[in-house]
């Protein structure tokens, strides 16, 4: 009987310690501040663009890029991860960080790069836009 009570007591302790606040990893787009892109690109070459972005808090960290292509246009958003249950985050201080975007030139004419910078006062997406001509790699 004592053994059965001990097992029930241990099971009760284990079950009562389960977390109700399960930590949830969230993602969000964060605004691009600036981008370091050359004035022209060469066909077939690989490049690494430095993208400066602003984090929402010091608990946010770089997750990757959300990239979509449409013929000449490449739209890029910076994605950050954060924990939805972390309450010790600060929105003060320098919250800008840089990330590297790898890019290989596949076209022979031009690209239009659009980096997401946030929403306007009327809720429309705002982009940092740069049109870059492509020059042949043998020049």
C-alpha atoms as a PDB file:
ATOM      1  CA  UNK A   1       0.000   0.000   0.000  1.00  0.00           C
ATOM      2  CA  UNK A   2       2.838   2.388   0.830  1.00  0.00           C
ATOM      3  CA  UNK A   3       4.417   1.638  -2.532  1.00  0.00           C
ATOM      4  CA  UNK A   4       1.153   2.474  -4.355  1.00  0.00           C
ATOM      5  CA  UNK A   5       0.825   5.754  -2.442  1.00  0.00           C
ATOM      6  CA  UNK A   6       4.449   6.613  -3.257  1.00  0.00           C
ATOM      7  CA  UNK A   7       3.873   5.958  -6.989  1.00  0.00           C
ATOM      8  CA  UNK A   8       0.695   8.078  -6.984  1.00  0.00           C
ATOM      9  CA  UNK A   9       2.496  10.873  -5.114  1.00  0.00           C
ATOM     10  CA  UNK A  10       5.440  10.843  -7.576  1.00  0.00           C
ATOM     11  CA  UNK A  11       3.071  10.809 -10.565  1.00  0.00           C
ATOM     12  CA  UNK A  12       1.167  13.754  -9.076  1.00  0.00           C
ATOM     13  CA  UNK A  13       4.396  15.740  -8.649  1.00  0.00           C
ATOM     14  CA  UNK A  14       5.554  15.013 -12.195  1.00  0.00           C
ATOM     15  CA  UNK A  15       2.214  15.964 -13.729  1.00  0.00           C
ATOM     16  CA  UNK A  16       1.861  19.134 -11.670  1.00  0.00           C
ATOM     17  CA  UNK A  17       5.265  20.368 -12.883  1.00  0.00           C
ATOM     18  CA  UNK A  18       4.303  20.433 -16.553  1.00  0.00           C
ATOM     19  CA  UNK A  19       4.509  23.870 -18.162  1.00  0.00           C
ATOM     20  CA  UNK A  20       1.317  25.707 -18.983  1.00  0.00           C
ATOM     21  CA  UNK A  21       3.279  28.503 -20.667  1.00  0.00           C
ATOM     22  CA  UNK A  22       4.827  26.549 -23.499  1.00  0.00           C
ATOM     23  CA  UNK A  23       7.509  28.643 -25.127  1.00  0.00           C
ATOM     24  CA  UNK A  24       6.633  29.511 -28.675  1.00  0.00           C
ATOM     25  CA  UNK A  25       9.152  30.636 -31.249  1.00  0.00           C
ATOM     26  CA  UNK A  26       7.722  33.418 -33.418  1.00  0.00           C
ATOM     27  CA  UNK A  27       8.970  35.113 -36.590  1.00  0.00           C
ATOM     28  CA  UNK A  28       8.491  38.615 -37.915  1.00  0.00           C
ATOM     29  CA  UNK A  29       9.749  40.813 -40.708  1.00  0.00           C
ATOM     30  CA  UNK A  30      11.963  43.637 -39.483  1.00  0.00           C
ATOM     31  CA  UNK A  31      12.767  46.844 -41.410  1.00  0.00           C
ATOM     32  CA  UNK A  32      15.818  47.188 -43.625  1.00  0.00           C
ATOM     33  CA  UNK A  33      17.862  50.306 -42.832  1.00  0.00           C
ATOM     34  CA  UNK A  34      20.411  50.157 -45.670  1.00  0.00           C
ATOM     35  CA  UNK A  35      21.980  47.765 -48.181  1.00  0.00           C
ATOM     36  CA  UNK A  36      25.481  47.651 -49.630  1.00  0.00           C
ATOM     37  CA  UNK A  37      25.019  46.714 -53.308  1.00  0.00           C
ATOM     38  CA  UNK A  38      27.515  47.566 -56.062  1.00  0.00           C
ATOM     39  CA  UNK A  39      26.458  50.021 -58.795  1.00  0.00           C
ATOM     40  CA  UNK A  40      26.691  47.199 -61.345  1.00  0.00           C
ATOM     41  CA  UNK A  41      26.942  43.415 -61.290  1.00  0.00           C
ATOM     42  CA  UNK A  42      28.651  40.923 -63.589  1.00  0.00           C
ATOM     43  CA  UNK A  43      26.885  38.012 -65.270  1.00  0.00           C
ATOM     44  CA  UNK A  44      27.510  34.675 -63.541  1.00  0.00           C
ATOM     45  CA  UNK A  45      29.287  36.213 -60.528  1.00  0.00           C
ATOM     46  CA  UNK A  46      28.445  35.566 -56.873  1.00  0.00           C
ATOM     47  CA  UNK A  47      28.051  38.503 -54.495  1.00  0.00           C
ATOM     48  CA  UNK A  48      27.514  39.029 -50.798  1.00  0.00           C
ATOM     49  CA  UNK A  49      25.343  42.055 -49.980  1.00  0.00           C
ATOM     50  CA  UNK A  50      25.487  43.499 -46.469  1.00  0.00           C
ATOM     51  CA  UNK A  51      21.984  44.284 -45.220  1.00  0.00           C
ATOM     52  CA  UNK A  52      21.618  46.524 -42.168  1.00  0.00           C
ATOM     53  CA  UNK A  53      18.308  46.008 -40.351  1.00  0.00           C
ATOM     54  CA  UNK A  54      16.574  47.163 -37.165  1.00  0.00           C
ATOM     55  CA  UNK A  55      15.516  44.572 -34.595  1.00  0.00           C
ATOM     56  CA  UNK A  56      12.305  45.081 -32.607  1.00  0.00           C
ATOM     57  CA  UNK A  57      14.045  44.207 -29.307  1.00  0.00           C
ATOM     58  CA  UNK A  58      17.291  42.775 -27.978  1.00  0.00           C
ATOM     59  CA  UNK A  59      15.558  39.366 -27.792  1.00  0.00           C
ATOM     60  CA  UNK A  60      15.094  39.235 -31.569  1.00  0.00           C
ATOM     61  CA  UNK A  61      17.736  37.466 -33.627  1.00  0.00           C
ATOM     62  CA  UNK A  62      18.394  36.915 -37.314  1.00  0.00           C
ATOM     63  CA  UNK A  63      16.600  33.945 -38.846  1.00  0.00           C
ATOM     64  CA  UNK A  64      17.093  34.497 -42.575  1.00  0.00           C
ATOM     65  CA  UNK A  65      15.747  36.299 -45.593  1.00  0.00           C
ATOM     66  CA  UNK A  66      12.323  36.030 -47.182  1.00  0.00           C
ATOM     67  CA  UNK A  67      13.090  36.352 -50.904  1.00  0.00           C
ATOM     68  CA  UNK A  68      10.695  36.344 -53.838  1.00  0.00           C
ATOM     69  CA  UNK A  69      11.614  36.777 -57.511  1.00  0.00           C
ATOM     70  CA  UNK A  70       9.511  38.112 -60.337  1.00  0.00           C
ATOM     71  CA  UNK A  71      11.463  38.304 -63.606  1.00  0.00           C
ATOM     72  CA  UNK A  72      13.635  41.424 -63.016  1.00  0.00           C
ATOM     73  CA  UNK A  73      12.441  42.217 -59.499  1.00  0.00           C
ATOM     74  CA  UNK A  74      13.776  40.621 -56.309  1.00  0.00           C
ATOM     75  CA  UNK A  75      11.895  41.436 -53.110  1.00  0.00           C
ATOM     76  CA  UNK A  76      13.791  40.823 -49.863  1.00  0.00           C
ATOM     77  CA  UNK A  77      12.571  40.887 -46.275  1.00  0.00           C
ATOM     78  CA  UNK A  78      14.706  40.320 -43.185  1.00  0.00           C
ATOM     79  CA  UNK A  79      13.196  37.722 -40.837  1.00  0.00           C
ATOM     80  CA  UNK A  80      13.879  37.661 -37.088  1.00  0.00           C
ATOM     81  CA  UNK A  81      12.955  35.001 -34.520  1.00  0.00           C
ATOM     82  CA  UNK A  82      11.871  35.742 -30.959  1.00  0.00           C
ATOM     83  CA  UNK A  83      10.288  33.953 -28.032  1.00  0.00           C
ATOM     84  CA  UNK A  84       6.681  34.905 -27.380  1.00  0.00           C
ATOM     85  CA  UNK A  85       6.993  34.272 -23.628  1.00  0.00           C
ATOM     86  CA  UNK A  86      10.207  36.206 -22.926  1.00  0.00           C
ATOM     87  CA  UNK A  87       9.270  39.328 -20.960  1.00  0.00           C
ATOM     88  CA  UNK A  88      12.819  40.550 -20.264  1.00  0.00           C
ATOM     89  CA  UNK A  89      13.348  42.174 -23.669  1.00  0.00           C
ATOM     90  CA  UNK A  90      14.500  45.740 -24.162  1.00  0.00           C
ATOM     91  CA  UNK A  91      13.569  48.044 -27.022  1.00  0.00           C
ATOM     92  CA  UNK A  92      16.287  50.549 -26.049  1.00  0.00           C
ATOM     93  CA  UNK A  93      19.848  50.899 -27.283  1.00  0.00           C
ATOM     94  CA  UNK A  94      21.397  50.049 -30.627  1.00  0.00           C
ATOM     95  CA  UNK A  95      19.073  47.483 -32.178  1.00  0.00           C
ATOM     96  CA  UNK A  96      20.651  47.558 -35.628  1.00  0.00           C
ATOM     97  CA  UNK A  97      22.524  44.532 -36.954  1.00  0.00           C
ATOM     98  CA  UNK A  98      23.945  43.435 -40.279  1.00  0.00           C
ATOM     99  CA  UNK A  99      23.367  40.212 -42.192  1.00  0.00           C
ATOM    100  CA  UNK A 100      24.901  38.902 -45.420  1.00  0.00           C
ATOM    101  CA  UNK A 101      22.698  38.093 -48.406  1.00  0.00           C
ATOM    102  CA  UNK A 102      24.334  35.778 -50.946  1.00  0.00           C
ATOM    103  CA  UNK A 103      23.347  36.443 -54.529  1.00  0.00           C
ATOM    104  CA  UNK A 104      24.332  34.935 -57.905  1.00  0.00           C
ATOM    105  CA  UNK A 105      23.711  36.942 -61.067  1.00  0.00           C
ATOM    106  CA  UNK A 106      21.652  34.902 -63.531  1.00  0.00           C
ATOM    107  CA  UNK A 107      20.367  37.647 -65.837  1.00  0.00           C
ATOM    108  CA  UNK A 108      22.147  39.654 -68.519  1.00  0.00           C
ATOM    109  CA  UNK A 109      20.252  42.951 -68.386  1.00  0.00           C
ATOM    110  CA  UNK A 110      19.291  44.356 -64.934  1.00  0.00           C
ATOM    111  CA  UNK A 111      17.768  43.627 -61.536  1.00  0.00           C
ATOM    112  CA  UNK A 112      15.473  45.721 -59.392  1.00  0.00           C
ATOM    113  CA  UNK A 113      16.116  44.979 -55.709  1.00  0.00           C
ATOM    114  CA  UNK A 114      13.367  45.916 -53.254  1.00  0.00           C
ATOM    115  CA  UNK A 115      14.200  45.592 -49.555  1.00  0.00           C
ATOM    116  CA  UNK A 116      11.229  45.794 -47.175  1.00  0.00           C
ATOM    117  CA  UNK A 117      11.404  48.793 -44.817  1.00  0.00           C
ATOM    118  CA  UNK A 118       8.046  48.520 -43.078  1.00  0.00           C
ATOM    119  CA  UNK A 119       4.563  49.915 -43.571  1.00  0.00           C
ATOM    120  CA  UNK A 120       3.488  53.452 -44.416  1.00  0.00           C
ATOM    121  CA  UNK A 121       0.988  55.397 -42.312  1.00  0.00           C
ATOM    122  CA  UNK A 122      -1.783  54.032 -44.564  1.00  0.00           C
ATOM    123  CA  UNK A 123      -0.606  50.423 -44.227  1.00  0.00           C
ATOM    124  CA  UNK A 124       1.206  50.034 -47.551  1.00  0.00           C
ATOM    125  CA  UNK A 125       4.557  48.267 -47.800  1.00  0.00           C
ATOM    126  CA  UNK A 126       7.564  50.586 -48.158  1.00  0.00           C
ATOM    127  CA  UNK A 127      10.732  49.420 -49.929  1.00  0.00           C
ATOM    128  CA  UNK A 128      14.317  50.544 -50.327  1.00  0.00           C
ATOM    129  CA  UNK A 129      14.628  50.136 -54.114  1.00  0.00           C
ATOM    130  CA  UNK A 130      17.756  49.935 -56.211  1.00  0.00           C
ATOM    131  CA  UNK A 131      18.002  49.140 -59.936  1.00  0.00           C
ATOM    132  CA  UNK A 132      21.334  47.551 -60.825  1.00  0.00           C
ATOM    133  CA  UNK A 133      22.552  47.000 -64.413  1.00  0.00           C
ATOM    134  CA  UNK A 134      24.336  43.796 -65.357  1.00  0.00           C
ATOM    135  CA  UNK A 135      27.551  43.929 -67.365  1.00  0.00           C
ATOM    136  CA  UNK A 136      29.062  40.976 -69.228  1.00  0.00           C
ATOM    137  CA  UNK A 137      31.655  39.126 -67.150  1.00  0.00           C
ATOM    138  CA  UNK A 138      34.286  39.360 -69.907  1.00  0.00           C
ATOM    139  CA  UNK A 139      34.532  43.170 -69.570  1.00  0.00           C
END
